[in-house]
PDB file of N, CA and C in Angstrom:
ATOM      1  N   THR A   1      76.724   7.281 -44.228  1.00  0.00           N
ATOM      2  CA  THR A   1      76.941   6.155 -44.953  1.00  0.00           C
ATOM      3  C   THR A   1      76.008   5.370 -45.609  1.00  0.00           C
ATOM      4  N   ALA A   2      76.827   4.437 -46.305  1.00  0.00           N
ATOM      5  CA  ALA A   2      75.602   3.339 -46.984  1.00  0.00           C
ATOM      6  C   ALA A   2      75.717   2.139 -45.521  1.00  0.00           C
ATOM      7  N   ARG A   3      76.694   2.344 -44.191  1.00  0.00           N
ATOM      8  CA  ARG A   3      77.034   0.964 -43.287  1.00  0.00           C
ATOM      9  C   ARG A   3      75.608   1.398 -42.583  1.00  0.00           C
ATOM     10  N   ASP A   4      75.903   3.073 -42.191  1.00  0.00           N
ATOM     11  CA  ASP A   4      74.722   3.179 -40.801  1.00  0.00           C
ATOM     12  C   ASP A   4      73.442   3.090 -41.599  1.00  0.00           C
ATOM     13  N   ALA A   5      73.113   3.808 -42.814  1.00  0.00           N
ATOM     14  CA  ALA A   5      72.101   3.207 -43.000  1.00  0.00           C
ATOM     15  C   ALA A   5      71.359   1.459 -43.092  1.00  0.00           C
ATOM     16  N   ARG A   6      72.348   0.385 -43.443  1.00  0.00           N
ATOM     17  CA  ARG A   6      72.003  -0.734 -43.243  1.00  0.00           C
ATOM     18  C   ARG A   6      71.683  -1.159 -41.687  1.00  0.00           C
ATOM     19  N   ARG A   7      72.481  -0.375 -41.331  1.00  0.00           N
ATOM     20  CA  ARG A   7      72.192  -0.513 -39.540  1.00  0.00           C
ATOM     21  C   ARG A   7      71.248  -0.283 -39.151  1.00  0.00           C
ATOM     22  N   ALA A   8      70.403   0.528 -39.718  1.00  0.00           N
ATOM     23  CA  ALA A   8      69.446   1.369 -38.681  1.00  0.00           C
ATOM     24  C   ALA A   8      68.176   0.524 -39.997  1.00  0.00           C
ATOM     25  N   PHE A   9      68.520   0.614 -41.020  1.00  0.00           N
ATOM     26  CA  PHE A   9      67.345  -0.550 -41.623  1.00  0.00           C
ATOM     27  C   PHE A   9      67.276  -1.883 -40.633  1.00  0.00           C
ATOM     28  N   ALA A  10      68.680  -2.386 -40.597  1.00  0.00           N
ATOM     29  CA  ALA A  10      68.360  -3.377 -39.925  1.00  0.00           C
ATOM     30  C   ALA A  10      67.971  -3.409 -38.215  1.00  0.00           C
ATOM     31  N   GLN A  11      68.008  -2.135 -37.524  1.00  0.00           N
ATOM     32  CA  GLN A  11      67.400  -2.419 -36.358  1.00  0.00           C
ATOM     33  C   GLN A  11      65.997  -2.352 -36.669  1.00  0.00           C
ATOM     34  N   GLY A  12      65.367  -1.142 -37.113  1.00  0.00           N
ATOM     35  CA  GLY A  12      63.836  -1.468 -37.740  1.00  0.00           C
ATOM     36  C   GLY A  12      63.699  -2.304 -37.648  1.00  0.00           C
ATOM     37  N   LEU A  13      63.901  -3.026 -38.950  1.00  0.00           N
ATOM     38  CA  LEU A  13      63.096  -4.257 -39.284  1.00  0.00           C
ATOM     39  C   LEU A  13      63.216  -5.436 -37.926  1.00  0.00           C
ATOM     40  N   LEU A  14      64.491  -5.537 -37.132  1.00  0.00           N
ATOM     41  CA  LEU A  14      64.226  -6.333 -36.108  1.00  0.00           C
ATOM     42  C   LEU A  14      63.288  -5.538 -35.130  1.00  0.00           C
ATOM     43  N   SER A  15      63.392  -4.435 -35.284  1.00  0.00           N
ATOM     44  CA  SER A  15      62.338  -3.563 -33.783  1.00  0.00           C
ATOM     45  C   SER A  15      60.883  -4.109 -33.847  1.00  0.00           C
ATOM     46  N   ASN A  16      60.340  -3.882 -35.509  1.00  0.00           N
ATOM     47  CA  ASN A  16      59.150  -4.208 -35.741  1.00  0.00           C
ATOM     48  C   ASN A  16      58.978  -5.822 -35.695  1.00  0.00           C
ATOM     49  N   LEU A  17      60.093  -6.632 -36.732  1.00  0.00           N
ATOM     50  CA  LEU A  17      59.440  -7.982 -36.427  1.00  0.00           C
ATOM     51  C   LEU A  17      58.816  -8.564 -35.317  1.00  0.00           C
ATOM     52  N   LEU A  18      59.803  -8.219 -33.624  1.00  0.00           N
ATOM     53  CA  LEU A  18      59.964  -8.453 -32.525  1.00  0.00           C
ATOM     54  C   LEU A  18      58.884  -7.788 -31.977  1.00  0.00           C
ATOM     55  N   ASN A  19      58.460  -7.047 -32.335  1.00  0.00           N
ATOM     56  CA  ASN A  19      57.438  -6.190 -31.754  1.00  0.00           C
ATOM     57  C   ASN A  19      55.959  -6.847 -31.496  1.00  0.00           C
ATOM     58  N   PRO A  20      55.594  -6.856 -30.322  1.00  0.00           N
ATOM     59  CA  PRO A  20      54.454  -7.986 -30.253  1.00  0.00           C
ATOM     60  C   PRO A  20      53.267  -7.726 -30.534  1.00  0.00           C
ATOM     61  N   LYS A  21      53.434  -6.108 -30.316  1.00  0.00           N
ATOM     62  CA  LYS A  21      52.367  -5.311 -30.917  1.00  0.00           C
ATOM     63  C   LYS A  21      51.608  -5.570 -32.043  1.00  0.00           C
ATOM     64  N   VAL A  22      52.667  -5.274 -32.724  1.00  0.00           N
ATOM     65  CA  VAL A  22      52.712  -5.695 -34.498  1.00  0.00           C
ATOM     66  C   VAL A  22      52.008  -7.507 -34.801  1.00  0.00           C
ATOM     67  N   ALA A  23      52.342  -8.609 -34.168  1.00  0.00           N
ATOM     68  CA  ALA A  23      52.037  -9.447 -34.246  1.00  0.00           C
ATOM     69  C   ALA A  23      50.248  -9.557 -33.663  1.00  0.00           C
ATOM     70  N   LEU A  24      50.193  -9.080 -32.542  1.00  0.00           N
ATOM     71  CA  LEU A  24      48.779  -8.993 -32.016  1.00  0.00           C
ATOM     72  C   LEU A  24      47.722  -8.266 -33.040  1.00  0.00           C
ATOM     73  N   PHE A  25      48.275  -7.006 -33.741  1.00  0.00           N
ATOM     74  CA  PHE A  25      48.048  -6.538 -34.863  1.00  0.00           C
ATOM     75  C   PHE A  25      47.046  -7.442 -35.848  1.00  0.00           C
ATOM     76  N   TYR A  26      48.084  -8.083 -36.261  1.00  0.00           N
ATOM     77  CA  TYR A  26      48.039  -9.104 -37.302  1.00  0.00           C
ATOM     78  C   TYR A  26      46.779 -10.422 -36.688  1.00  0.00           C
ATOM     79  N   LEU A  27      46.863 -10.589 -35.492  1.00  0.00           N
ATOM     80  CA  LEU A  27      46.399 -11.931 -35.114  1.00  0.00           C
ATOM     81  C   LEU A  27      44.624 -11.299 -34.794  1.00  0.00           C
ATOM     82  N   THR A  28      44.544  -9.974 -34.323  1.00  0.00           N
ATOM     83  CA  THR A  28      43.030  -9.917 -34.092  1.00  0.00           C
ATOM     84  C   THR A  28      42.273  -9.008 -35.978  1.00  0.00           C
ATOM     85  N   LEU A  29      43.303  -8.491 -36.363  1.00  0.00           N
ATOM     86  CA  LEU A  29      42.426  -7.879 -38.030  1.00  0.00           C
ATOM     87  C   LEU A  29      42.460  -8.823 -39.120  1.00  0.00           C
ATOM     88  N   LEU A  30      43.567  -9.780 -38.589  1.00  0.00           N
ATOM     89  CA  LEU A  30      43.337 -10.788 -40.506  1.00  0.00           C
ATOM     90  C   LEU A  30      42.305 -11.367 -40.661  1.00  0.00           C
ATOM     91  N   PRO A  31      41.769 -12.324 -39.513  1.00  0.00           N
ATOM     92  CA  PRO A  31      41.297 -13.511 -39.251  1.00  0.00           C
ATOM     93  C   PRO A  31      40.202 -12.676 -39.726  1.00  0.00           C
ATOM     94  N   GLN A  32      39.168 -11.346 -39.418  1.00  0.00           N
ATOM     95  CA  GLN A  32      38.097 -10.780 -40.367  1.00  0.00           C
ATOM     96  C   GLN A  32      37.691 -10.812 -41.900  1.00  0.00           C
ATOM     97  N   PHE A  33      38.961 -11.080 -42.360  1.00  0.00           N
ATOM     98  CA  PHE A  33      39.097 -11.003 -44.059  1.00  0.00           C
ATOM     99  C   PHE A  33      39.209 -12.095 -44.373  1.00  0.00           C
ATOM    100  N   VAL A  34      39.104 -13.362 -44.048  1.00  0.00           N
ATOM    101  CA  VAL A  34      39.127 -14.398 -44.265  1.00  0.00           C
ATOM    102  C   VAL A  34      37.933 -15.512 -44.024  1.00  0.00           C
ATOM    103  N   ARG A  35      37.940 -16.093 -45.878  1.00  0.00           N
ATOM    104  CA  ARG A  35      37.182 -16.476 -45.197  1.00  0.00           C
ATOM    105  C   ARG A  35      37.424 -17.966 -44.652  1.00  0.00           C
ATOM    106  N   PRO A  36      36.049 -19.147 -44.165  1.00  0.00           N
ATOM    107  CA  PRO A  36      36.145 -20.305 -43.827  1.00  0.00           C
ATOM    108  C   PRO A  36      37.477 -21.612 -45.157  1.00  0.00           C
ATOM    109  N   ALA A  37      36.913 -20.904 -46.294  1.00  0.00           N
ATOM    110  CA  ALA A  37      36.928 -21.722 -47.518  1.00  0.00           C
ATOM    111  C   ALA A  37      38.334 -21.166 -48.108  1.00  0.00           C
ATOM    112  N   ASP A  38      38.870 -20.179 -47.750  1.00  0.00           N
ATOM    113  CA  ASP A  38      40.132 -19.932 -48.111  1.00  0.00           C
ATOM    114  C   ASP A  38      41.180 -20.183 -47.173  1.00  0.00           C
ATOM    115  N   ASN A  39      42.589 -20.452 -48.300  1.00  0.00           N
ATOM    116  CA  ASN A  39      43.619 -21.438 -47.243  1.00  0.00           C
ATOM    117  C   ASN A  39      43.974 -19.872 -47.222  1.00  0.00           C
ATOM    118  N   VAL A  40      44.294 -20.113 -45.901  1.00  0.00           N
ATOM    119  CA  VAL A  40      44.093 -19.105 -44.646  1.00  0.00           C
ATOM    120  C   VAL A  40      45.858 -18.852 -44.812  1.00  0.00           C
ATOM    121  N   LEU A  41      46.363 -18.988 -44.295  1.00  0.00           N
ATOM    122  CA  LEU A  41      47.926 -18.907 -45.041  1.00  0.00           C
ATOM    123  C   LEU A  41      47.942 -17.604 -45.873  1.00  0.00           C
ATOM    124  N   ALA A  42      47.995 -18.560 -47.372  1.00  0.00           N
ATOM    125  CA  ALA A  42      47.819 -18.064 -48.562  1.00  0.00           C
ATOM    126  C   ALA A  42      47.018 -16.087 -48.318  1.00  0.00           C
ATOM    127  N   ARG A  43      45.693 -16.044 -48.045  1.00  0.00           N
ATOM    128  CA  ARG A  43      44.793 -14.763 -47.941  1.00  0.00           C
ATOM    129  C   ARG A  43      45.738 -14.334 -46.332  1.00  0.00           C
ATOM    130  N   SER A  44      46.261 -14.498 -45.211  1.00  0.00           N
ATOM    131  CA  SER A  44      46.716 -13.942 -44.681  1.00  0.00           C
ATOM    132  C   SER A  44      48.420 -13.128 -44.878  1.00  0.00           C
ATOM    133  N   LEU A  45      48.654 -14.160 -45.959  1.00  0.00           N
ATOM    134  CA  LEU A  45      50.499 -13.049 -46.598  1.00  0.00           C
ATOM    135  C   LEU A  45      49.261 -12.435 -47.452  1.00  0.00           C
ATOM    136  N   LEU A  46      48.462 -12.293 -48.789  1.00  0.00           N
ATOM    137  CA  LEU A  46      48.049 -11.537 -49.736  1.00  0.00           C
ATOM    138  C   LEU A  46      47.593  -9.952 -48.838  1.00  0.00           C
ATOM    139  N   LEU A  47      47.409 -10.341 -47.222  1.00  0.00           N
ATOM    140  CA  LEU A  47      46.531  -9.232 -46.663  1.00  0.00           C
ATOM    141  C   LEU A  47      47.682  -8.251 -46.067  1.00  0.00           C
ATOM    142  N   ALA A  48      48.782  -9.482 -45.710  1.00  0.00           N
ATOM    143  CA  ALA A  48      49.970  -8.224 -44.779  1.00  0.00           C
ATOM    144  C   ALA A  48      50.566  -7.979 -45.794  1.00  0.00           C
ATOM    145  N   GLY A  49      51.068  -8.286 -47.483  1.00  0.00           N
ATOM    146  CA  GLY A  49      51.444  -8.085 -48.435  1.00  0.00           C
ATOM    147  C   GLY A  49      50.746  -6.464 -48.418  1.00  0.00           C
ATOM    148  N   VAL A  50      49.385  -6.864 -48.807  1.00  0.00           N
ATOM    149  CA  VAL A  50      48.685  -5.054 -49.211  1.00  0.00           C
ATOM    150  C   VAL A  50      48.692  -3.643 -48.167  1.00  0.00           C
ATOM    151  N   HIS A  51      49.011  -4.913 -46.804  1.00  0.00           N
ATOM    152  CA  HIS A  51      49.181  -3.837 -46.037  1.00  0.00           C
ATOM    153  C   HIS A  51      50.536  -3.083 -45.786  1.00  0.00           C
ATOM    154  N   VAL A  52      51.498  -3.215 -46.181  1.00  0.00           N
ATOM    155  CA  VAL A  52      52.610  -3.366 -46.269  1.00  0.00           C
ATOM    156  C   VAL A  52      53.085  -2.286 -47.410  1.00  0.00           C
ATOM    157  N   LEU A  53      52.628  -2.397 -48.879  1.00  0.00           N
ATOM    158  CA  LEU A  53      52.420  -1.773 -49.954  1.00  0.00           C
ATOM    159  C   LEU A  53      51.800  -0.435 -49.523  1.00  0.00           C
ATOM    160  N   ILE A  54      50.867  -0.758 -49.088  1.00  0.00           N
ATOM    161  CA  ILE A  54      50.207   0.716 -49.025  1.00  0.00           C
ATOM    162  C   ILE A  54      51.336   1.712 -47.869  1.00  0.00           C
ATOM    163  N   GLY A  55      51.346   1.008 -46.901  1.00  0.00           N
ATOM    164  CA  GLY A  55      52.638   1.803 -45.865  1.00  0.00           C
ATOM    165  C   GLY A  55      53.545   2.076 -46.691  1.00  0.00           C
ATOM    166  N   LEU A  56      53.943   1.453 -47.203  1.00  0.00           N
ATOM    167  CA  LEU A  56      55.390   1.521 -48.136  1.00  0.00           C
ATOM    168  C   LEU A  56      55.182   2.975 -49.480  1.00  0.00           C
ATOM    169  N   ALA A  57      54.193   3.043 -49.554  1.00  0.00           N
ATOM    170  CA  ALA A  57      53.648   4.348 -50.876  1.00  0.00           C
ATOM    171  C   ALA A  57      53.183   5.248 -49.484  1.00  0.00           C
ATOM    172  N   TRP A  58      52.770   5.229 -48.752  1.00  0.00           N
ATOM    173  CA  TRP A  58      52.355   5.849 -47.840  1.00  0.00           C
ATOM    174  C   TRP A  58      53.981   6.902 -47.289  1.00  0.00           C
ATOM    175  N   LEU A  59      55.171   5.716 -47.186  1.00  0.00           N
ATOM    176  CA  LEU A  59      56.076   6.456 -46.439  1.00  0.00           C
ATOM    177  C   LEU A  59      56.705   6.886 -48.045  1.00  0.00           C
ATOM    178  N   VAL A  60      56.555   6.716 -49.226  1.00  0.00           N
ATOM    179  CA  VAL A  60      57.382   7.027 -50.506  1.00  0.00           C
ATOM    180  C   VAL A  60      56.774   8.368 -50.470  1.00  0.00           C
ATOM    181  N   ALA A  61      55.590   8.530 -50.291  1.00  0.00           N
ATOM    182  CA  ALA A  61      54.971  10.160 -50.864  1.00  0.00           C
ATOM    183  C   ALA A  61      55.131  10.870 -49.635  1.00  0.00           C
ATOM    184  N   TYR A  62      55.226  10.509 -48.281  1.00  0.00           N
ATOM    185  CA  TYR A  62      55.871  11.576 -46.996  1.00  0.00           C
ATOM    186  C   TYR A  62      57.263  11.892 -47.366  1.00  0.00           C
ATOM    187  N   THR A  63      57.794  11.311 -48.065  1.00  0.00           N
ATOM    188  CA  THR A  63      59.276  11.250 -47.719  1.00  0.00           C
ATOM    189  C   THR A  63      59.728  12.501 -49.095  1.00  0.00           C
ATOM    190  N   TYR A  64      58.654  12.084 -49.895  1.00  0.00           N
ATOM    191  CA  TYR A  64      59.162  13.047 -51.119  1.00  0.00           C
ATOM    192  C   TYR A  64      58.733  14.370 -50.605  1.00  0.00           C
ATOM    193  N   PHE A  65      57.816  14.992 -49.933  1.00  0.00           N
ATOM    194  CA  PHE A  65      56.787  15.812 -49.555  1.00  0.00           C
ATOM    195  C   PHE A  65      57.964  16.310 -48.634  1.00  0.00           C
ATOM    196  N   LEU A  66      58.173  15.574 -47.714  1.00  0.00           N
ATOM    197  CA  LEU A  66      58.883  16.106 -47.086  1.00  0.00           C
ATOM    198  C   LEU A  66      60.183  16.968 -46.968  1.00  0.00           C
ATOM    199  N   GLY A  67      61.273  16.379 -48.189  1.00  0.00           N
ATOM    200  CA  GLY A  67      62.121  16.705 -48.851  1.00  0.00           C
ATOM    201  C   GLY A  67      61.996  17.534 -49.508  1.00  0.00           C
ATOM    202  N   ARG A  68      60.890  17.907 -50.178  1.00  0.00           N
ATOM    203  CA  ARG A  68      60.427  18.805 -50.658  1.00  0.00           C
ATOM    204  C   ARG A  68      60.349  20.184 -49.685  1.00  0.00           C
ATOM    205  N   LEU A  69      59.627  19.560 -48.718  1.00  0.00           N
ATOM    206  CA  LEU A  69      59.361  21.013 -47.872  1.00  0.00           C
ATOM    207  C   LEU A  69      60.753  21.452 -46.983  1.00  0.00           C
ATOM    208  N   SER A  70      61.298  20.749 -47.261  1.00  0.00           N
ATOM    209  CA  SER A  70      62.798  21.087 -46.081  1.00  0.00           C
ATOM    210  C   SER A  70      63.854  21.903 -47.283  1.00  0.00           C
ATOM    211  N   ALA A  71      63.965  21.646 -48.611  1.00  0.00           N
ATOM    212  CA  ALA A  71      64.343  22.295 -49.565  1.00  0.00           C
ATOM    213  C   ALA A  71      63.757  23.849 -49.072  1.00  0.00           C
ATOM    214  N   ALA A  72      62.720  24.726 -48.960  1.00  0.00           N
ATOM    215  CA  ALA A  72      61.472  25.871 -48.955  1.00  0.00           C
ATOM    216  C   ALA A  72      62.039  25.971 -48.035  1.00  0.00           C
ATOM    217  N   LEU A  73      62.046  25.231 -46.530  1.00  0.00           N
ATOM    218  CA  LEU A  73      62.529  25.615 -45.328  1.00  0.00           C
ATOM    219  C   LEU A  73      63.683  25.798 -44.654  1.00  0.00           C
ATOM    220  N   ARG A  74      64.456  25.631 -46.040  1.00  0.00           N
ATOM    221  CA  ARG A  74      65.888  25.984 -45.596  1.00  0.00           C
ATOM    222  C   ARG A  74      66.385  27.436 -46.378  1.00  0.00           C
ATOM    223  N   ARG A  75      65.608  28.072 -47.178  1.00  0.00           N
ATOM    224  CA  ARG A  75      65.574  29.680 -47.266  1.00  0.00           C
ATOM    225  C   ARG A  75      65.396  30.761 -45.540  1.00  0.00           C
ATOM    226  N   PRO A  76      66.148  31.596 -45.825  1.00  0.00           N
ATOM    227  CA  PRO A  76      66.266  32.332 -44.831  1.00  0.00           C
ATOM    228  C   PRO A  76      65.069  33.327 -44.820  1.00  0.00           C
ATOM    229  N   ARG A  77      64.259  33.887 -45.765  1.00  0.00           N
ATOM    230  CA  ARG A  77      63.351  34.513 -45.646  1.00  0.00           C
ATOM    231  C   ARG A  77      62.208  33.191 -45.290  1.00  0.00           C
ATOM    232  N   VAL A  78      61.629  32.421 -45.355  1.00  0.00           N
ATOM    233  CA  VAL A  78      60.685  31.222 -45.123  1.00  0.00           C
ATOM    234  C   VAL A  78      60.940  30.894 -43.309  1.00  0.00           C
ATOM    235  N   ARG A  79      62.061  30.703 -42.993  1.00  0.00           N
ATOM    236  CA  ARG A  79      62.542  30.595 -41.653  1.00  0.00           C
ATOM    237  C   ARG A  79      61.973  31.493 -40.959  1.00  0.00           C
ATOM    238  N   ARG A  80      62.618  32.456 -41.287  1.00  0.00           N
ATOM    239  CA  ARG A  80      61.960  33.862 -40.653  1.00  0.00           C
ATOM    240  C   ARG A  80      60.403  34.005 -40.174  1.00  0.00           C
ATOM    241  N   ALA A  81      59.631  33.866 -41.496  1.00  0.00           N
ATOM    242  CA  ALA A  81      58.428  33.708 -41.038  1.00  0.00           C
ATOM    243  C   ALA A  81      57.353  33.128 -40.396  1.00  0.00           C
ATOM    244  N   LEU A  82      58.417  31.889 -40.603  1.00  0.00           N
ATOM    245  CA  LEU A  82      57.971  30.324 -39.804  1.00  0.00           C
ATOM    246  C   LEU A  82      58.292  30.730 -38.063  1.00  0.00           C
ATOM    247  N   GLU A  83      59.052  31.385 -38.122  1.00  0.00           N
ATOM    248  CA  GLU A  83      60.106  32.108 -36.685  1.00  0.00           C
ATOM    249  C   GLU A  83      58.898  32.589 -36.123  1.00  0.00           C
ATOM    250  N   GLY A  84      58.773  33.811 -36.936  1.00  0.00           N
ATOM    251  CA  GLY A  84      57.945  34.977 -36.502  1.00  0.00           C
ATOM    252  C   GLY A  84      56.443  34.649 -36.409  1.00  0.00           C
ATOM    253  N   VAL A  85      55.436  33.595 -36.859  1.00  0.00           N
ATOM    254  CA  VAL A  85      54.186  33.130 -36.754  1.00  0.00           C
ATOM    255  C   VAL A  85      54.629  31.954 -35.294  1.00  0.00           C
ATOM    256  N   THR A  86      55.411  31.019 -35.240  1.00  0.00           N
ATOM    257  CA  THR A  86      55.995  29.562 -34.785  1.00  0.00           C
ATOM    258  C   THR A  86      55.782  30.820 -32.858  1.00  0.00           C
ATOM    259  N   GLY A  87      56.676  32.248 -32.790  1.00  0.00           N
ATOM    260  CA  GLY A  87      56.641  32.818 -31.873  1.00  0.00           C
ATOM    261  C   GLY A  87      55.469  33.595 -30.954  1.00  0.00           C
ATOM    262  N   SER A  88      54.828  34.373 -32.157  1.00  0.00           N
ATOM    263  CA  SER A  88      53.452  35.131 -32.010  1.00  0.00           C
ATOM    264  C   SER A  88      52.428  33.906 -31.505  1.00  0.00           C
ATOM    265  N   LEU A  89      52.966  32.573 -31.988  1.00  0.00           N
ATOM    266  CA  LEU A  89      51.843  31.789 -31.332  1.00  0.00           C
ATOM    267  C   LEU A  89      51.829  31.450 -29.958  1.00  0.00           C
ATOM    268  N   LEU A  90      53.259  31.063 -29.606  1.00  0.00           N
ATOM    269  CA  LEU A  90      53.925  30.769 -28.514  1.00  0.00           C
ATOM    270  C   LEU A  90      53.710  32.286 -27.493  1.00  0.00           C
ATOM    271  N   ILE A  91      53.888  32.922 -27.756  1.00  0.00           N
ATOM    272  CA  ILE A  91      53.257  34.048 -26.823  1.00  0.00           C
ATOM    273  C   ILE A  91      51.907  34.458 -26.141  1.00  0.00           C
ATOM    274  N   GLY A  92      50.759  34.533 -27.910  1.00  0.00           N
ATOM    275  CA  GLY A  92      49.678  34.162 -27.242  1.00  0.00           C
ATOM    276  C   GLY A  92      49.051  33.497 -26.172  1.00  0.00           C
ATOM    277  N   LEU A  93      50.318  32.324 -26.757  1.00  0.00           N
ATOM    278  CA  LEU A  93      49.866  31.147 -25.390  1.00  0.00           C
ATOM    279  C   LEU A  93      50.148  30.809 -24.028  1.00  0.00           C
ATOM    280  N   GLY A  94      51.345  31.437 -23.835  1.00  0.00           N
ATOM    281  CA  GLY A  94      52.181  32.099 -22.673  1.00  0.00           C
ATOM    282  C   GLY A  94      50.953  33.252 -22.131  1.00  0.00           C
ATOM    283  N   GLY A  95      50.368  34.037 -23.004  1.00  0.00           N
ATOM    284  CA  GLY A  95      49.373  34.991 -22.255  1.00  0.00           C
ATOM    285  C   GLY A  95      48.192  35.023 -21.725  1.00  0.00           C
ATOM    286  N   ARG A  96      47.663  34.150 -22.736  1.00  0.00           N
ATOM    287  CA  ARG A  96      46.189  33.293 -22.129  1.00  0.00           C
ATOM    288  C   ARG A  96      46.168  32.069 -21.207  1.00  0.00           C
ATOM    289  N   LEU A  97      47.676  31.522 -20.659  1.00  0.00           N
ATOM    290  CA  LEU A  97      47.432  31.052 -19.571  1.00  0.00           C
ATOM    291  C   LEU A  97      47.861  31.815 -18.968  1.00  0.00           C
ATOM    292  N   ALA A  98      48.523  32.757 -18.679  1.00  0.00           N
ATOM    293  CA  ALA A  98      49.115  34.001 -17.892  1.00  0.00           C
ATOM    294  C   ALA A  98      47.464  34.596 -17.527  1.00  0.00           C
ATOM    295  N   TRP A  99      46.505  34.761 -17.956  1.00  0.00           N
ATOM    296  CA  TRP A  99      45.458  35.758 -17.708  1.00  0.00           C
ATOM    297  C   TRP A  99      44.296  34.743 -17.296  1.00  0.00           C
ATOM    298  N   ASP A 100      44.536  32.875 -17.814  1.00  0.00           N
ATOM    299  CA  ASP A 100      43.810  32.111 -17.432  1.00  0.00           C
ATOM    300  C   ASP A 100      42.691  32.500 -16.465  1.00  0.00           C
ATOM    301  N   ARG A 101      41.628  32.742 -16.199  1.00  0.00           N
ATOM    302  CA  ARG A 101      41.108  32.559 -14.306  1.00  0.00           C
ATOM    303  C   ARG A 101      40.947  31.156 -13.810  1.00  0.00           C
ATOM    304  N   ARG A 102      41.172  30.218 -13.048  1.00  0.00           N
ATOM    305  CA  ARG A 102      41.058  29.061 -12.519  1.00  0.00           C
ATOM    306  C   ARG A 102      39.859  29.288 -11.755  1.00  0.00           C
TER     307      ARG A 102
END
């Protein structure tokens, strides 16, 4: 529902904003690209904005292609083939592990 989506968004936003690793990332990476003559705040916000836009573009593309893949994986024939391939791989890995000499 829309309420659950808002709650998930708020939780993700808060966990990202309060994550000290994110702050450390920006504090260590961004100063390398700011010249002493630049307005530090403006340049840092610009670089952070570019980072956010690139991340957003990646997530939109990722979501689009996973949606398309999800539709294909719902087909019984594709699902059966995928289960056969992954099952064979697991059997092969199990056999290799069983006969592996230490």
